[in-house]
């Protein structure tokens, strides 16, 4: 496994290469509750699909209360482009209902006054919360240094050798990354890696040969070598 210094150097190379390729902007700053709902759309999905699903929620429903009193099926239809749309719809309903029952409103801006530690603890209490969602709200609304990690991002980082392949604890992995990723790069690094996961680093049959990080990715090099070996073995012998 790479040392901390080597990881920092590798992450700098990853950040520079992907920022040049994708030119993404930092995600929008939103109110706490709104950002939480957006994060429920964003986890495990591309930015494009999450943005589209989130716009659908705004276009189809008058406000968050109308979303709360709607059926799960109606919300699922608005999220139809997202994977696991049914489960996401249930989580959004659960979250809005829980917020309403505890605050009689849809305003969580009071969390800005509680400090990051207390605010994240409160967010984690919601049944719909996940480490990714809370990290997302912490980073893009509360101003903390947090790296949201979902399955596609974790997949890329493991294949690059930047996190341990046998560790499944997202919170521990996120904490280790936050120590080696500068705060100034925190808001964009996950988005860049997510874009790479969508374009090249798929779960099955990743396109390592075309990946811009292929030459520095241990997994990518193994895949390319395997393709070369297989092509040689399957090549017919000259007569």
C-alpha atoms as a PDB file:
ATOM      1  CA  UNK A   1       0.000   0.000   0.000  1.00  0.00           C
ATOM      2  CA  UNK A   2       1.239   3.492  -0.820  1.00  0.00           C
ATOM      3  CA  UNK A   3       2.676   5.684   1.936  1.00  0.00           C
ATOM      4  CA  UNK A   4       0.932   8.910   2.959  1.00  0.00           C
ATOM      5  CA  UNK A   5       3.408  11.007   0.948  1.00  0.00           C
ATOM      6  CA  UNK A   6       2.938   8.811  -2.125  1.00  0.00           C
ATOM      7  CA  UNK A   7      -0.842   9.012  -1.733  1.00  0.00           C
ATOM      8  CA  UNK A   8      -0.693  12.789  -1.522  1.00  0.00           C
ATOM      9  CA  UNK A   9       1.448  12.923  -4.649  1.00  0.00           C
ATOM     10  CA  UNK A  10      -0.848  10.516  -6.493  1.00  0.00           C
ATOM     11  CA  UNK A  11      -3.970  12.419  -5.454  1.00  0.00           C
ATOM     12  CA  UNK A  12      -2.418  15.648  -6.712  1.00  0.00           C
ATOM     13  CA  UNK A  13      -1.795  13.999 -10.097  1.00  0.00           C
ATOM     14  CA  UNK A  14      -5.347  12.637 -10.167  1.00  0.00           C
ATOM     15  CA  UNK A  15      -6.820  16.030  -9.275  1.00  0.00           C
ATOM     16  CA  UNK A  16      -4.747  17.895 -11.883  1.00  0.00           C
ATOM     17  CA  UNK A  17      -5.450  15.430 -14.691  1.00  0.00           C
ATOM     18  CA  UNK A  18      -9.188  15.191 -14.056  1.00  0.00           C
ATOM     19  CA  UNK A  19      -9.707  18.908 -13.488  1.00  0.00           C
ATOM     20  CA  UNK A  20      -8.091  19.568 -16.846  1.00  0.00           C
ATOM     21  CA  UNK A  21     -10.251  16.943 -18.538  1.00  0.00           C
ATOM     22  CA  UNK A  22     -13.661  17.694 -17.027  1.00  0.00           C
ATOM     23  CA  UNK A  23     -13.528  21.357 -16.035  1.00  0.00           C
ATOM     24  CA  UNK A  24     -16.281  20.869 -13.463  1.00  0.00           C
ATOM     25  CA  UNK A  25     -17.474  23.617 -11.161  1.00  0.00           C
ATOM     26  CA  UNK A  26     -18.053  23.221  -7.435  1.00  0.00           C
ATOM     27  CA  UNK A  27     -21.594  21.996  -6.653  1.00  0.00           C
ATOM     28  CA  UNK A  28     -24.179  24.585  -5.683  1.00  0.00           C
ATOM     29  CA  UNK A  29     -24.533  25.845  -2.123  1.00  0.00           C
ATOM     30  CA  UNK A  30     -28.076  25.139  -0.911  1.00  0.00           C
ATOM     31  CA  UNK A  31     -29.994  25.366   2.384  1.00  0.00           C
ATOM     32  CA  UNK A  32     -29.391  22.402   4.714  1.00  0.00           C
ATOM     33  CA  UNK A  33     -32.660  20.570   4.070  1.00  0.00           C
ATOM     34  CA  UNK A  34     -32.522  21.152   0.329  1.00  0.00           C
ATOM     35  CA  UNK A  35     -28.912  19.978   0.180  1.00  0.00           C
ATOM     36  CA  UNK A  36     -29.824  16.832   2.129  1.00  0.00           C
ATOM     37  CA  UNK A  37     -32.522  15.959  -0.407  1.00  0.00           C
ATOM     38  CA  UNK A  38     -30.159  16.674  -3.285  1.00  0.00           C
ATOM     39  CA  UNK A  39     -27.540  14.398  -1.708  1.00  0.00           C
ATOM     40  CA  UNK A  40     -30.146  11.617  -1.569  1.00  0.00           C
ATOM     41  CA  UNK A  41     -30.439  12.021  -5.346  1.00  0.00           C
ATOM     42  CA  UNK A  42     -26.679  12.323  -5.884  1.00  0.00           C
ATOM     43  CA  UNK A  43     -25.412   9.311  -3.938  1.00  0.00           C
ATOM     44  CA  UNK A  44     -24.388   6.581  -6.370  1.00  0.00           C
ATOM     45  CA  UNK A  45     -25.559   8.599  -9.395  1.00  0.00           C
ATOM     46  CA  UNK A  46     -23.947  10.992 -11.847  1.00  0.00           C
ATOM     47  CA  UNK A  47     -24.227  14.737 -11.364  1.00  0.00           C
ATOM     48  CA  UNK A  48     -26.234  15.021 -14.580  1.00  0.00           C
ATOM     49  CA  UNK A  49     -28.839  12.478 -13.476  1.00  0.00           C
ATOM     50  CA  UNK A  50     -29.040  13.884  -9.959  1.00  0.00           C
ATOM     51  CA  UNK A  51     -29.543  17.422 -11.286  1.00  0.00           C
ATOM     52  CA  UNK A  52     -32.295  16.245 -13.603  1.00  0.00           C
ATOM     53  CA  UNK A  53     -34.083  14.312 -10.861  1.00  0.00           C
ATOM     54  CA  UNK A  54     -33.806  17.233  -8.458  1.00  0.00           C
ATOM     55  CA  UNK A  55     -35.257  19.603 -11.063  1.00  0.00           C
ATOM     56  CA  UNK A  56     -38.128  17.178 -11.568  1.00  0.00           C
ATOM     57  CA  UNK A  57     -38.959  17.368  -7.870  1.00  0.00           C
ATOM     58  CA  UNK A  58     -39.123  21.156  -8.069  1.00  0.00           C
ATOM     59  CA  UNK A  59     -41.123  21.158 -11.290  1.00  0.00           C
ATOM     60  CA  UNK A  60     -43.698  18.546 -10.249  1.00  0.00           C
ATOM     61  CA  UNK A  61     -44.308  19.588  -6.653  1.00  0.00           C
ATOM     62  CA  UNK A  62     -45.215  22.998  -5.248  1.00  0.00           C
ATOM     63  CA  UNK A  63     -43.016  22.758  -2.145  1.00  0.00           C
ATOM     64  CA  UNK A  64     -41.446  20.243   0.244  1.00  0.00           C
ATOM     65  CA  UNK A  65     -44.732  19.778   2.065  1.00  0.00           C
ATOM     66  CA  UNK A  66     -46.419  18.661  -1.135  1.00  0.00           C
ATOM     67  CA  UNK A  67     -43.601  16.183  -1.627  1.00  0.00           C
ATOM     68  CA  UNK A  68     -44.118  14.949   1.949  1.00  0.00           C
ATOM     69  CA  UNK A  69     -47.843  14.273   1.479  1.00  0.00           C
ATOM     70  CA  UNK A  70     -47.420  12.689  -1.961  1.00  0.00           C
ATOM     71  CA  UNK A  71     -47.208   8.965  -2.584  1.00  0.00           C
ATOM     72  CA  UNK A  72     -43.887   7.207  -2.881  1.00  0.00           C
ATOM     73  CA  UNK A  73     -44.883   6.253  -6.424  1.00  0.00           C
ATOM     74  CA  UNK A  74     -45.293   9.911  -7.453  1.00  0.00           C
ATOM     75  CA  UNK A  75     -41.860  10.777  -6.094  1.00  0.00           C
ATOM     76  CA  UNK A  76     -40.347   7.691  -7.704  1.00  0.00           C
ATOM     77  CA  UNK A  77     -41.631   8.872 -11.091  1.00  0.00           C
ATOM     78  CA  UNK A  78     -39.792  12.166 -10.640  1.00  0.00           C
ATOM     79  CA  UNK A  79     -36.617  10.216  -9.866  1.00  0.00           C
ATOM     80  CA  UNK A  80     -37.055   7.709 -12.685  1.00  0.00           C
ATOM     81  CA  UNK A  81     -33.620   8.415 -14.221  1.00  0.00           C
ATOM     82  CA  UNK A  82     -31.845   7.437 -11.002  1.00  0.00           C
ATOM     83  CA  UNK A  83     -30.832   3.916  -9.997  1.00  0.00           C
ATOM     84  CA  UNK A  84     -32.879   2.542  -7.084  1.00  0.00           C
ATOM     85  CA  UNK A  85     -35.510   5.251  -7.590  1.00  0.00           C
ATOM     86  CA  UNK A  86     -38.034   3.469  -5.375  1.00  0.00           C
ATOM     87  CA  UNK A  87     -35.665   3.329  -2.420  1.00  0.00           C
ATOM     88  CA  UNK A  88     -34.625   6.960  -2.895  1.00  0.00           C
ATOM     89  CA  UNK A  89     -38.269   8.051  -2.959  1.00  0.00           C
ATOM     90  CA  UNK A  90     -38.869   6.278   0.344  1.00  0.00           C
ATOM     91  CA  UNK A  91     -35.817   7.921   1.908  1.00  0.00           C
ATOM     92  CA  UNK A  92     -36.926  11.390   0.785  1.00  0.00           C
ATOM     93  CA  UNK A  93     -40.397  10.805   2.203  1.00  0.00           C
ATOM     94  CA  UNK A  94     -38.964   9.494   5.464  1.00  0.00           C
ATOM     95  CA  UNK A  95     -36.628  12.458   5.819  1.00  0.00           C
ATOM     96  CA  UNK A  96     -39.238  15.134   5.117  1.00  0.00           C
ATOM     97  CA  UNK A  97     -41.737  13.475   7.446  1.00  0.00           C
ATOM     98  CA  UNK A  98     -39.178  13.208  10.248  1.00  0.00           C
ATOM     99  CA  UNK A  99     -38.134  16.852   9.854  1.00  0.00           C
ATOM    100  CA  UNK A 100     -41.755  18.008   9.848  1.00  0.00           C
ATOM    101  CA  UNK A 101     -42.657  15.981  12.929  1.00  0.00           C
ATOM    102  CA  UNK A 102     -39.730  17.388  14.904  1.00  0.00           C
ATOM    103  CA  UNK A 103     -39.665  21.016  13.702  1.00  0.00           C
ATOM    104  CA  UNK A 104     -43.160  21.578  12.188  1.00  0.00           C
ATOM    105  CA  UNK A 105     -41.339  23.210   9.297  1.00  0.00           C
ATOM    106  CA  UNK A 106     -38.866  22.427   6.518  1.00  0.00           C
ATOM    107  CA  UNK A 107     -36.092  24.654   7.772  1.00  0.00           C
ATOM    108  CA  UNK A 108     -32.863  23.235   9.221  1.00  0.00           C
ATOM    109  CA  UNK A 109     -30.791  26.407   8.990  1.00  0.00           C
ATOM    110  CA  UNK A 110     -30.448  26.453  12.768  1.00  0.00           C
ATOM    111  CA  UNK A 111     -27.742  23.806  12.289  1.00  0.00           C
ATOM    112  CA  UNK A 112     -25.385  26.558  11.113  1.00  0.00           C
ATOM    113  CA  UNK A 113     -25.342  27.830  14.710  1.00  0.00           C
ATOM    114  CA  UNK A 114     -24.595  24.476  16.333  1.00  0.00           C
ATOM    115  CA  UNK A 115     -21.052  23.944  15.090  1.00  0.00           C
ATOM    116  CA  UNK A 116     -19.975  21.211  12.713  1.00  0.00           C
ATOM    117  CA  UNK A 117     -19.728  18.390  15.230  1.00  0.00           C
ATOM    118  CA  UNK A 118     -23.202  18.870  16.656  1.00  0.00           C
ATOM    119  CA  UNK A 119     -24.720  19.587  13.246  1.00  0.00           C
ATOM    120  CA  UNK A 120     -23.368  16.377  11.733  1.00  0.00           C
ATOM    121  CA  UNK A 121     -24.555  14.386  14.748  1.00  0.00           C
ATOM    122  CA  UNK A 122     -28.063  15.722  14.280  1.00  0.00           C
ATOM    123  CA  UNK A 123     -28.052  14.972  10.560  1.00  0.00           C
ATOM    124  CA  UNK A 124     -26.893  11.405  11.218  1.00  0.00           C
ATOM    125  CA  UNK A 125     -29.929  10.821  13.443  1.00  0.00           C
ATOM    126  CA  UNK A 126     -32.301  10.972  10.476  1.00  0.00           C
ATOM    127  CA  UNK A 127     -33.222   7.492   9.258  1.00  0.00           C
ATOM    128  CA  UNK A 128     -32.619   8.505   5.648  1.00  0.00           C
ATOM    129  CA  UNK A 129     -29.077   9.672   6.408  1.00  0.00           C
ATOM    130  CA  UNK A 130     -25.935   7.940   5.201  1.00  0.00           C
ATOM    131  CA  UNK A 131     -22.270   8.796   5.581  1.00  0.00           C
ATOM    132  CA  UNK A 132     -22.283  10.146   2.010  1.00  0.00           C
ATOM    133  CA  UNK A 133     -25.332  12.367   2.535  1.00  0.00           C
ATOM    134  CA  UNK A 134     -24.055  13.872   5.788  1.00  0.00           C
ATOM    135  CA  UNK A 135     -20.588  14.410   4.326  1.00  0.00           C
ATOM    136  CA  UNK A 136     -22.168  16.112   1.288  1.00  0.00           C
ATOM    137  CA  UNK A 137     -24.195  18.538   3.416  1.00  0.00           C
ATOM    138  CA  UNK A 138     -21.189  19.175   5.650  1.00  0.00           C
ATOM    139  CA  UNK A 139     -18.981  20.009   2.681  1.00  0.00           C
ATOM    140  CA  UNK A 140     -21.302  21.984   0.428  1.00  0.00           C
ATOM    141  CA  UNK A 141     -23.542  23.771   2.933  1.00  0.00           C
ATOM    142  CA  UNK A 142     -21.984  23.761   6.399  1.00  0.00           C
ATOM    143  CA  UNK A 143     -18.478  24.585   5.152  1.00  0.00           C
ATOM    144  CA  UNK A 144     -16.627  21.682   6.730  1.00  0.00           C
ATOM    145  CA  UNK A 145     -13.798  19.650   5.243  1.00  0.00           C
ATOM    146  CA  UNK A 146     -15.505  16.409   4.303  1.00  0.00           C
ATOM    147  CA  UNK A 147     -15.152  14.013   1.361  1.00  0.00           C
ATOM    148  CA  UNK A 148     -18.440  12.352   0.314  1.00  0.00           C
ATOM    149  CA  UNK A 149     -17.761   8.760  -0.773  1.00  0.00           C
ATOM    150  CA  UNK A 150     -20.295   6.667  -2.663  1.00  0.00           C
ATOM    151  CA  UNK A 151     -19.810   3.317  -4.399  1.00  0.00           C
ATOM    152  CA  UNK A 152     -18.474   4.667  -7.747  1.00  0.00           C
ATOM    153  CA  UNK A 153     -15.976   6.980  -6.019  1.00  0.00           C
ATOM    154  CA  UNK A 154     -14.803   4.215  -3.698  1.00  0.00           C
ATOM    155  CA  UNK A 155     -14.401   1.886  -6.676  1.00  0.00           C
ATOM    156  CA  UNK A 156     -12.075   4.315  -8.475  1.00  0.00           C
ATOM    157  CA  UNK A 157     -10.004   5.108  -5.386  1.00  0.00           C
ATOM    158  CA  UNK A 158      -9.542   1.411  -4.603  1.00  0.00           C
ATOM    159  CA  UNK A 159      -8.469   0.632  -8.142  1.00  0.00           C
ATOM    160  CA  UNK A 160      -5.984   3.493  -8.009  1.00  0.00           C
ATOM    161  CA  UNK A 161      -4.569   2.025  -4.801  1.00  0.00           C
ATOM    162  CA  UNK A 162      -5.381   5.158  -2.807  1.00  0.00           C
ATOM    163  CA  UNK A 163      -7.534   3.372  -0.231  1.00  0.00           C
ATOM    164  CA  UNK A 164      -7.404  -0.137   1.151  1.00  0.00           C
ATOM    165  CA  UNK A 165      -9.311  -2.621  -0.983  1.00  0.00           C
ATOM    166  CA  UNK A 166     -10.424  -4.695   1.995  1.00  0.00           C
ATOM    167  CA  UNK A 167     -11.861  -1.868   4.102  1.00  0.00           C
ATOM    168  CA  UNK A 168     -15.586  -1.259   3.748  1.00  0.00           C
ATOM    169  CA  UNK A 169     -16.102   1.369   6.463  1.00  0.00           C
ATOM    170  CA  UNK A 170     -16.911   4.553   4.523  1.00  0.00           C
ATOM    171  CA  UNK A 171     -16.522   6.772   7.574  1.00  0.00           C
ATOM    172  CA  UNK A 172     -13.013   5.485   8.336  1.00  0.00           C
ATOM    173  CA  UNK A 173     -11.958   5.692   4.690  1.00  0.00           C
ATOM    174  CA  UNK A 174     -13.331   9.211   4.411  1.00  0.00           C
ATOM    175  CA  UNK A 175     -11.487  10.284   7.552  1.00  0.00           C
ATOM    176  CA  UNK A 176      -8.193   8.948   6.203  1.00  0.00           C
ATOM    177  CA  UNK A 177      -8.670  10.783   2.904  1.00  0.00           C
ATOM    178  CA  UNK A 178      -9.541  14.040   4.631  1.00  0.00           C
ATOM    179  CA  UNK A 179      -6.104  13.995   6.264  1.00  0.00           C
ATOM    180  CA  UNK A 180      -4.274  13.857   2.944  1.00  0.00           C
ATOM    181  CA  UNK A 181      -6.565  15.956   0.714  1.00  0.00           C
ATOM    182  CA  UNK A 182      -6.165  19.738   1.200  1.00  0.00           C
ATOM    183  CA  UNK A 183      -9.384  21.534   2.153  1.00  0.00           C
ATOM    184  CA  UNK A 184      -9.178  23.704  -0.950  1.00  0.00           C
ATOM    185  CA  UNK A 185      -9.474  20.585  -3.145  1.00  0.00           C
ATOM    186  CA  UNK A 186     -12.165  18.891  -1.076  1.00  0.00           C
ATOM    187  CA  UNK A 187     -15.185  20.438  -2.842  1.00  0.00           C
ATOM    188  CA  UNK A 188     -14.108  19.151  -6.263  1.00  0.00           C
ATOM    189  CA  UNK A 189     -12.086  15.954  -5.880  1.00  0.00           C
ATOM    190  CA  UNK A 190     -15.101  13.701  -5.382  1.00  0.00           C
ATOM    191  CA  UNK A 191     -16.941  15.211  -8.326  1.00  0.00           C
ATOM    192  CA  UNK A 192     -13.945  14.666 -10.597  1.00  0.00           C
ATOM    193  CA  UNK A 193     -13.511  11.043  -9.516  1.00  0.00           C
ATOM    194  CA  UNK A 194     -17.250  10.472  -9.930  1.00  0.00           C
ATOM    195  CA  UNK A 195     -17.051  11.754 -13.512  1.00  0.00           C
ATOM    196  CA  UNK A 196     -14.178   9.346 -14.237  1.00  0.00           C
ATOM    197  CA  UNK A 197     -16.181   6.459 -12.754  1.00  0.00           C
ATOM    198  CA  UNK A 198     -19.061   7.224 -15.086  1.00  0.00           C
ATOM    199  CA  UNK A 199     -16.993   7.660 -18.253  1.00  0.00           C
ATOM    200  CA  UNK A 200     -14.351   4.939 -17.862  1.00  0.00           C
ATOM    201  CA  UNK A 201     -14.119   3.139 -14.527  1.00  0.00           C
ATOM    202  CA  UNK A 202     -17.260   1.030 -14.713  1.00  0.00           C
ATOM    203  CA  UNK A 203     -17.991  -1.801 -12.310  1.00  0.00           C
ATOM    204  CA  UNK A 204     -17.830  -4.370 -15.107  1.00  0.00           C
ATOM    205  CA  UNK A 205     -15.422  -4.199 -18.056  1.00  0.00           C
ATOM    206  CA  UNK A 206     -13.844  -0.809 -17.255  1.00  0.00           C
ATOM    207  CA  UNK A 207     -12.409   1.018 -20.254  1.00  0.00           C
ATOM    208  CA  UNK A 208      -8.867   1.107 -18.857  1.00  0.00           C
ATOM    209  CA  UNK A 209      -7.199   1.430 -22.251  1.00  0.00           C
ATOM    210  CA  UNK A 210      -8.841   4.818 -22.870  1.00  0.00           C
ATOM    211  CA  UNK A 211      -8.811   6.068 -19.264  1.00  0.00           C
ATOM    212  CA  UNK A 212      -6.665   9.205 -18.741  1.00  0.00           C
ATOM    213  CA  UNK A 213      -5.335   7.656 -15.519  1.00  0.00           C
ATOM    214  CA  UNK A 214      -4.699   4.241 -17.054  1.00  0.00           C
ATOM    215  CA  UNK A 215      -0.918   4.586 -17.120  1.00  0.00           C
ATOM    216  CA  UNK A 216      -0.748   5.340 -13.386  1.00  0.00           C
ATOM    217  CA  UNK A 217      -3.530   3.032 -12.219  1.00  0.00           C
ATOM    218  CA  UNK A 218      -2.398  -0.394 -10.943  1.00  0.00           C
ATOM    219  CA  UNK A 219      -5.734  -1.960 -11.832  1.00  0.00           C
ATOM    220  CA  UNK A 220      -5.739  -0.345 -15.254  1.00  0.00           C
ATOM    221  CA  UNK A 221      -2.264  -1.655 -16.020  1.00  0.00           C
ATOM    222  CA  UNK A 222      -3.304  -5.164 -14.984  1.00  0.00           C
ATOM    223  CA  UNK A 223      -6.377  -5.034 -17.204  1.00  0.00           C
ATOM    224  CA  UNK A 224      -4.401  -3.809 -20.211  1.00  0.00           C
ATOM    225  CA  UNK A 225      -1.727  -6.495 -19.689  1.00  0.00           C
ATOM    226  CA  UNK A 226      -4.421  -9.163 -19.455  1.00  0.00           C
ATOM    227  CA  UNK A 227      -5.958  -7.970 -22.726  1.00  0.00           C
ATOM    228  CA  UNK A 228      -2.553  -8.138 -24.445  1.00  0.00           C
ATOM    229  CA  UNK A 229      -1.850 -11.641 -23.114  1.00  0.00           C
ATOM    230  CA  UNK A 230      -5.287 -12.907 -24.108  1.00  0.00           C
ATOM    231  CA  UNK A 231      -4.932 -11.475 -27.595  1.00  0.00           C
ATOM    232  CA  UNK A 232      -1.602 -13.268 -28.024  1.00  0.00           C
ATOM    233  CA  UNK A 233      -3.015 -16.573 -26.783  1.00  0.00           C
ATOM    234  CA  UNK A 234      -6.058 -16.380 -29.016  1.00  0.00           C
ATOM    235  CA  UNK A 235      -4.077 -15.281 -32.088  1.00  0.00           C
ATOM    236  CA  UNK A 236      -4.026 -18.129 -34.680  1.00  0.00           C
ATOM    237  CA  UNK A 237      -0.631 -19.612 -35.413  1.00  0.00           C
ATOM    238  CA  UNK A 238       0.736 -18.949 -38.907  1.00  0.00           C
ATOM    239  CA  UNK A 239       0.715 -21.941 -41.233  1.00  0.00           C
END
